[in-house]
């Protein structure tokens, strides 16, 4: 009878001291792998598995704290950028004497203020995202604009002034290009 109890006892001891801690650790790893880092595996034994479990719990807690911290920083920075963008947009929209148009490096319109709408006869909604050549009055200067842009990229800045006759009289358009890369 004791010959049967020893293997059974050994089997239960192995299960309790080896298999169960390993299964708990594996379950924690699976949760972490699925993105849940808010986990804590109960420490069952004070051996190598206990050390691994403790190290895993510490690592998961540190990663969770880092992610939460980064998410908070992103939220805070996004709010700051939204506020700054609104402030700058208000300034640019208040510029009633100047047409302000910005372009990206592919010469697509990224900003078009109300005076630009008046001067070029197209709404900001129609202009945004379009290439310079797709806006009729800008298309006339699109080749010159590209030349200026290349100057700005190589020399850092370029100025261009031209006069245009309109129903309201002569309009002088000054363009000042500065490279953002330099």
C-alpha atoms as a PDB file:
ATOM      1  CA  UNK A   1       0.000   0.000   0.000  1.00  0.00           C
ATOM      2  CA  UNK A   2       2.809   2.457   0.825  1.00  0.00           C
ATOM      3  CA  UNK A   3       4.320   1.683  -2.566  1.00  0.00           C
ATOM      4  CA  UNK A   4       1.185   3.249  -4.113  1.00  0.00           C
ATOM      5  CA  UNK A   5       1.144   6.244  -1.779  1.00  0.00           C
ATOM      6  CA  UNK A   6       4.688   7.355  -2.570  1.00  0.00           C
ATOM      7  CA  UNK A   7       4.113   7.749  -6.359  1.00  0.00           C
ATOM      8  CA  UNK A   8       0.711   9.355  -5.709  1.00  0.00           C
ATOM      9  CA  UNK A   9       2.218  11.750  -3.175  1.00  0.00           C
ATOM     10  CA  UNK A  10       5.096  12.514  -5.526  1.00  0.00           C
ATOM     11  CA  UNK A  11       2.612  13.145  -8.343  1.00  0.00           C
ATOM     12  CA  UNK A  12       0.584  15.562  -6.186  1.00  0.00           C
ATOM     13  CA  UNK A  13       3.736  17.319  -4.982  1.00  0.00           C
ATOM     14  CA  UNK A  14       4.991  17.748  -8.558  1.00  0.00           C
ATOM     15  CA  UNK A  15       1.602  19.052  -9.632  1.00  0.00           C
ATOM     16  CA  UNK A  16       1.467  21.494  -6.707  1.00  0.00           C
ATOM     17  CA  UNK A  17       5.089  22.631  -6.903  1.00  0.00           C
ATOM     18  CA  UNK A  18       5.818  22.426 -10.625  1.00  0.00           C
ATOM     19  CA  UNK A  19       2.784  22.171 -12.868  1.00  0.00           C
ATOM     20  CA  UNK A  20       0.465  24.654 -11.105  1.00  0.00           C
ATOM     21  CA  UNK A  21       2.993  27.518 -10.840  1.00  0.00           C
ATOM     22  CA  UNK A  22       3.975  26.921 -14.456  1.00  0.00           C
ATOM     23  CA  UNK A  23       0.322  26.975 -15.577  1.00  0.00           C
ATOM     24  CA  UNK A  24      -0.282  30.195 -13.592  1.00  0.00           C
ATOM     25  CA  UNK A  25       2.761  31.819 -15.162  1.00  0.00           C
ATOM     26  CA  UNK A  26       1.708  30.679 -18.625  1.00  0.00           C
ATOM     27  CA  UNK A  27      -1.815  32.066 -18.066  1.00  0.00           C
ATOM     28  CA  UNK A  28      -0.247  35.417 -17.084  1.00  0.00           C
ATOM     29  CA  UNK A  29       1.963  35.418 -20.166  1.00  0.00           C
ATOM     30  CA  UNK A  30      -1.085  34.748 -22.363  1.00  0.00           C
ATOM     31  CA  UNK A  31      -2.978  37.662 -20.771  1.00  0.00           C
ATOM     32  CA  UNK A  32       0.017  39.946 -21.257  1.00  0.00           C
ATOM     33  CA  UNK A  33       0.359  38.758 -24.852  1.00  0.00           C
ATOM     34  CA  UNK A  34      -3.266  39.748 -25.465  1.00  0.00           C
ATOM     35  CA  UNK A  35      -2.521  43.261 -24.167  1.00  0.00           C
ATOM     36  CA  UNK A  36      -3.759  42.955 -20.577  1.00  0.00           C
ATOM     37  CA  UNK A  37      -0.850  44.124 -18.432  1.00  0.00           C
ATOM     38  CA  UNK A  38      -2.970  44.839 -15.367  1.00  0.00           C
ATOM     39  CA  UNK A  39      -2.261  41.373 -13.966  1.00  0.00           C
ATOM     40  CA  UNK A  40      -0.767  39.885 -10.837  1.00  0.00           C
ATOM     41  CA  UNK A  41       0.002  36.177 -10.598  1.00  0.00           C
ATOM     42  CA  UNK A  42      -0.240  34.894  -7.008  1.00  0.00           C
ATOM     43  CA  UNK A  43       3.130  33.784  -5.649  1.00  0.00           C
ATOM     44  CA  UNK A  44       2.712  30.128  -4.572  1.00  0.00           C
ATOM     45  CA  UNK A  45       6.242  28.928  -3.952  1.00  0.00           C
ATOM     46  CA  UNK A  46       9.614  30.448  -3.031  1.00  0.00           C
ATOM     47  CA  UNK A  47      11.743  28.657  -5.617  1.00  0.00           C
ATOM     48  CA  UNK A  48      12.752  29.357  -9.217  1.00  0.00           C
ATOM     49  CA  UNK A  49       9.095  29.481 -10.255  1.00  0.00           C
ATOM     50  CA  UNK A  50       8.442  31.940  -7.444  1.00  0.00           C
ATOM     51  CA  UNK A  51      11.324  34.094  -8.670  1.00  0.00           C
ATOM     52  CA  UNK A  52      10.014  33.963 -12.264  1.00  0.00           C
ATOM     53  CA  UNK A  53       6.501  34.802 -11.083  1.00  0.00           C
ATOM     54  CA  UNK A  54       7.761  37.737  -9.019  1.00  0.00           C
ATOM     55  CA  UNK A  55       9.891  38.992 -11.948  1.00  0.00           C
ATOM     56  CA  UNK A  56       6.938  38.620 -14.332  1.00  0.00           C
ATOM     57  CA  UNK A  57       4.608  40.531 -11.985  1.00  0.00           C
ATOM     58  CA  UNK A  58       7.176  43.324 -11.625  1.00  0.00           C
ATOM     59  CA  UNK A  59       7.751  43.534 -15.384  1.00  0.00           C
ATOM     60  CA  UNK A  60       4.015  43.582 -16.159  1.00  0.00           C
ATOM     61  CA  UNK A  61       3.405  46.320 -13.550  1.00  0.00           C
ATOM     62  CA  UNK A  62       6.279  48.443 -14.902  1.00  0.00           C
ATOM     63  CA  UNK A  63       5.105  48.046 -18.503  1.00  0.00           C
ATOM     64  CA  UNK A  64       1.538  48.869 -17.499  1.00  0.00           C
ATOM     65  CA  UNK A  65       2.720  52.016 -15.688  1.00  0.00           C
ATOM     66  CA  UNK A  66       4.816  53.053 -18.716  1.00  0.00           C
ATOM     67  CA  UNK A  67       1.915  52.556 -21.109  1.00  0.00           C
ATOM     68  CA  UNK A  68      -0.489  54.474 -18.889  1.00  0.00           C
ATOM     69  CA  UNK A  69       2.104  57.246 -18.551  1.00  0.00           C
ATOM     70  CA  UNK A  70       2.596  57.408 -22.311  1.00  0.00           C
ATOM     71  CA  UNK A  71      -1.145  57.437 -22.943  1.00  0.00           C
ATOM     72  CA  UNK A  72      -1.508  60.304 -20.463  1.00  0.00           C
ATOM     73  CA  UNK A  73       1.328  62.210 -22.151  1.00  0.00           C
ATOM     74  CA  UNK A  74      -0.187  61.652 -25.596  1.00  0.00           C
ATOM     75  CA  UNK A  75      -3.578  62.861 -24.349  1.00  0.00           C
ATOM     76  CA  UNK A  76      -1.997  65.930 -22.740  1.00  0.00           C
ATOM     77  CA  UNK A  77       0.125  66.717 -25.808  1.00  0.00           C
ATOM     78  CA  UNK A  78      -2.854  66.243 -28.137  1.00  0.00           C
ATOM     79  CA  UNK A  79      -4.873  68.709 -26.042  1.00  0.00           C
ATOM     80  CA  UNK A  80      -1.982  71.205 -26.184  1.00  0.00           C
ATOM     81  CA  UNK A  81      -1.647  70.808 -29.951  1.00  0.00           C
ATOM     82  CA  UNK A  82      -5.403  71.198 -30.422  1.00  0.00           C
ATOM     83  CA  UNK A  83      -5.328  74.394 -28.371  1.00  0.00           C
ATOM     84  CA  UNK A  84      -2.296  75.744 -30.238  1.00  0.00           C
ATOM     85  CA  UNK A  85      -3.812  74.850 -33.600  1.00  0.00           C
ATOM     86  CA  UNK A  86      -7.059  76.633 -32.697  1.00  0.00           C
ATOM     87  CA  UNK A  87      -5.077  79.676 -31.525  1.00  0.00           C
ATOM     88  CA  UNK A  88      -2.983  79.818 -34.708  1.00  0.00           C
ATOM     89  CA  UNK A  89      -6.024  79.199 -36.883  1.00  0.00           C
ATOM     90  CA  UNK A  90      -7.746  82.133 -35.184  1.00  0.00           C
ATOM     91  CA  UNK A  91      -4.728  84.345 -35.886  1.00  0.00           C
ATOM     92  CA  UNK A  92      -4.516  83.262 -39.523  1.00  0.00           C
ATOM     93  CA  UNK A  93      -8.254  83.700 -40.049  1.00  0.00           C
ATOM     94  CA  UNK A  94      -8.016  87.181 -38.505  1.00  0.00           C
ATOM     95  CA  UNK A  95      -5.459  88.261 -41.095  1.00  0.00           C
ATOM     96  CA  UNK A  96      -7.925  90.224 -43.219  1.00  0.00           C
ATOM     97  CA  UNK A  97      -5.356  92.061 -45.327  1.00  0.00           C
ATOM     98  CA  UNK A  98      -3.353  89.033 -46.427  1.00  0.00           C
ATOM     99  CA  UNK A  99      -4.139  85.885 -48.318  1.00  0.00           C
ATOM    100  CA  UNK A 100      -2.399  83.077 -46.461  1.00  0.00           C
ATOM    101  CA  UNK A 101      -2.003  79.761 -48.207  1.00  0.00           C
ATOM    102  CA  UNK A 102       0.241  76.938 -47.076  1.00  0.00           C
ATOM    103  CA  UNK A 103       1.345  73.899 -49.014  1.00  0.00           C
ATOM    104  CA  UNK A 104       2.959  70.597 -48.160  1.00  0.00           C
ATOM    105  CA  UNK A 105       6.072  69.316 -49.949  1.00  0.00           C
ATOM    106  CA  UNK A 106       3.938  67.782 -52.666  1.00  0.00           C
ATOM    107  CA  UNK A 107       2.395  71.235 -53.320  1.00  0.00           C
ATOM    108  CA  UNK A 108      -1.042  70.333 -51.962  1.00  0.00           C
ATOM    109  CA  UNK A 109      -2.912  73.101 -50.140  1.00  0.00           C
ATOM    110  CA  UNK A 110      -2.858  72.637 -46.353  1.00  0.00           C
ATOM    111  CA  UNK A 111      -4.266  76.023 -45.285  1.00  0.00           C
ATOM    112  CA  UNK A 112      -6.392  78.625 -47.069  1.00  0.00           C
ATOM    113  CA  UNK A 113      -7.552  81.643 -45.066  1.00  0.00           C
ATOM    114  CA  UNK A 114     -10.659  83.796 -45.761  1.00  0.00           C
ATOM    115  CA  UNK A 115      -8.689  86.473 -47.641  1.00  0.00           C
ATOM    116  CA  UNK A 116      -7.286  83.727 -49.899  1.00  0.00           C
ATOM    117  CA  UNK A 117     -10.886  82.650 -50.519  1.00  0.00           C
ATOM    118  CA  UNK A 118     -11.769  86.208 -51.527  1.00  0.00           C
ATOM    119  CA  UNK A 119      -8.651  86.788 -53.625  1.00  0.00           C
ATOM    120  CA  UNK A 120      -8.714  83.464 -55.468  1.00  0.00           C
ATOM    121  CA  UNK A 121     -12.496  82.972 -55.622  1.00  0.00           C
ATOM    122  CA  UNK A 122     -12.478  79.476 -54.148  1.00  0.00           C
ATOM    123  CA  UNK A 123     -13.518  78.278 -50.693  1.00  0.00           C
ATOM    124  CA  UNK A 124     -11.077  76.744 -48.253  1.00  0.00           C
ATOM    125  CA  UNK A 125     -13.084  73.510 -48.367  1.00  0.00           C
ATOM    126  CA  UNK A 126     -12.598  73.370 -52.143  1.00  0.00           C
ATOM    127  CA  UNK A 127      -8.885  74.234 -51.961  1.00  0.00           C
ATOM    128  CA  UNK A 128      -7.690  72.042 -49.092  1.00  0.00           C
ATOM    129  CA  UNK A 129      -5.828  68.949 -50.184  1.00  0.00           C
ATOM    130  CA  UNK A 130      -5.746  69.976 -53.846  1.00  0.00           C
ATOM    131  CA  UNK A 131      -2.496  70.463 -55.753  1.00  0.00           C
ATOM    132  CA  UNK A 132      -1.557  74.061 -56.511  1.00  0.00           C
ATOM    133  CA  UNK A 133      -2.112  73.466 -60.223  1.00  0.00           C
ATOM    134  CA  UNK A 134      -5.782  72.554 -59.566  1.00  0.00           C
ATOM    135  CA  UNK A 135      -6.624  76.036 -58.243  1.00  0.00           C
ATOM    136  CA  UNK A 136      -7.243  78.252 -61.293  1.00  0.00           C
ATOM    137  CA  UNK A 137      -5.537  81.484 -60.237  1.00  0.00           C
ATOM    138  CA  UNK A 138      -2.717  79.639 -58.486  1.00  0.00           C
ATOM    139  CA  UNK A 139      -2.226  77.339 -61.475  1.00  0.00           C
ATOM    140  CA  UNK A 140      -1.016  80.351 -63.448  1.00  0.00           C
ATOM    141  CA  UNK A 141       1.884  80.628 -61.009  1.00  0.00           C
ATOM    142  CA  UNK A 142       2.342  76.935 -60.236  1.00  0.00           C
ATOM    143  CA  UNK A 143       5.453  76.595 -62.383  1.00  0.00           C
ATOM    144  CA  UNK A 144       6.970  79.740 -60.839  1.00  0.00           C
ATOM    145  CA  UNK A 145       5.966  78.482 -57.386  1.00  0.00           C
ATOM    146  CA  UNK A 146       7.784  75.197 -57.955  1.00  0.00           C
ATOM    147  CA  UNK A 147      10.902  77.104 -59.039  1.00  0.00           C
ATOM    148  CA  UNK A 148      10.698  79.213 -55.875  1.00  0.00           C
ATOM    149  CA  UNK A 149      10.226  76.132 -53.762  1.00  0.00           C
ATOM    150  CA  UNK A 150      13.390  74.572 -55.208  1.00  0.00           C
ATOM    151  CA  UNK A 151      15.267  77.823 -54.431  1.00  0.00           C
ATOM    152  CA  UNK A 152      13.942  77.728 -50.869  1.00  0.00           C
ATOM    153  CA  UNK A 153      15.061  74.103 -50.523  1.00  0.00           C
ATOM    154  CA  UNK A 154      18.597  74.831 -51.749  1.00  0.00           C
ATOM    155  CA  UNK A 155      19.153  78.433 -50.577  1.00  0.00           C
ATOM    156  CA  UNK A 156      16.902  78.461 -47.502  1.00  0.00           C
ATOM    157  CA  UNK A 157      14.681  81.340 -48.681  1.00  0.00           C
ATOM    158  CA  UNK A 158      13.314  83.053 -51.764  1.00  0.00           C
ATOM    159  CA  UNK A 159      11.166  86.121 -52.366  1.00  0.00           C
ATOM    160  CA  UNK A 160       8.874  86.753 -55.298  1.00  0.00           C
ATOM    161  CA  UNK A 161       6.641  89.777 -55.888  1.00  0.00           C
ATOM    162  CA  UNK A 162       4.187  90.233 -58.700  1.00  0.00           C
ATOM    163  CA  UNK A 163       1.315  92.540 -59.579  1.00  0.00           C
ATOM    164  CA  UNK A 164      -2.007  91.361 -60.898  1.00  0.00           C
ATOM    165  CA  UNK A 165      -4.858  93.415 -62.278  1.00  0.00           C
ATOM    166  CA  UNK A 166      -8.283  92.573 -60.849  1.00  0.00           C
ATOM    167  CA  UNK A 167     -11.694  94.248 -60.758  1.00  0.00           C
ATOM    168  CA  UNK A 168     -10.657  95.793 -57.441  1.00  0.00           C
ATOM    169  CA  UNK A 169      -7.517  97.299 -58.990  1.00  0.00           C
ATOM    170  CA  UNK A 170      -3.889  96.292 -58.968  1.00  0.00           C
ATOM    171  CA  UNK A 171      -3.026  93.694 -56.389  1.00  0.00           C
ATOM    172  CA  UNK A 172       0.568  93.177 -55.401  1.00  0.00           C
ATOM    173  CA  UNK A 173       1.299  89.670 -54.285  1.00  0.00           C
ATOM    174  CA  UNK A 174       4.439  89.113 -52.284  1.00  0.00           C
ATOM    175  CA  UNK A 175       5.650  85.614 -51.718  1.00  0.00           C
ATOM    176  CA  UNK A 176       8.297  84.784 -49.182  1.00  0.00           C
ATOM    177  CA  UNK A 177       9.431  81.171 -49.195  1.00  0.00           C
ATOM    178  CA  UNK A 178      11.502  79.728 -46.395  1.00  0.00           C
ATOM    179  CA  UNK A 179      12.624  76.144 -46.212  1.00  0.00           C
ATOM    180  CA  UNK A 180      11.382  74.255 -43.160  1.00  0.00           C
ATOM    181  CA  UNK A 181      14.134  71.696 -43.570  1.00  0.00           C
ATOM    182  CA  UNK A 182      17.044  74.108 -43.060  1.00  0.00           C
END
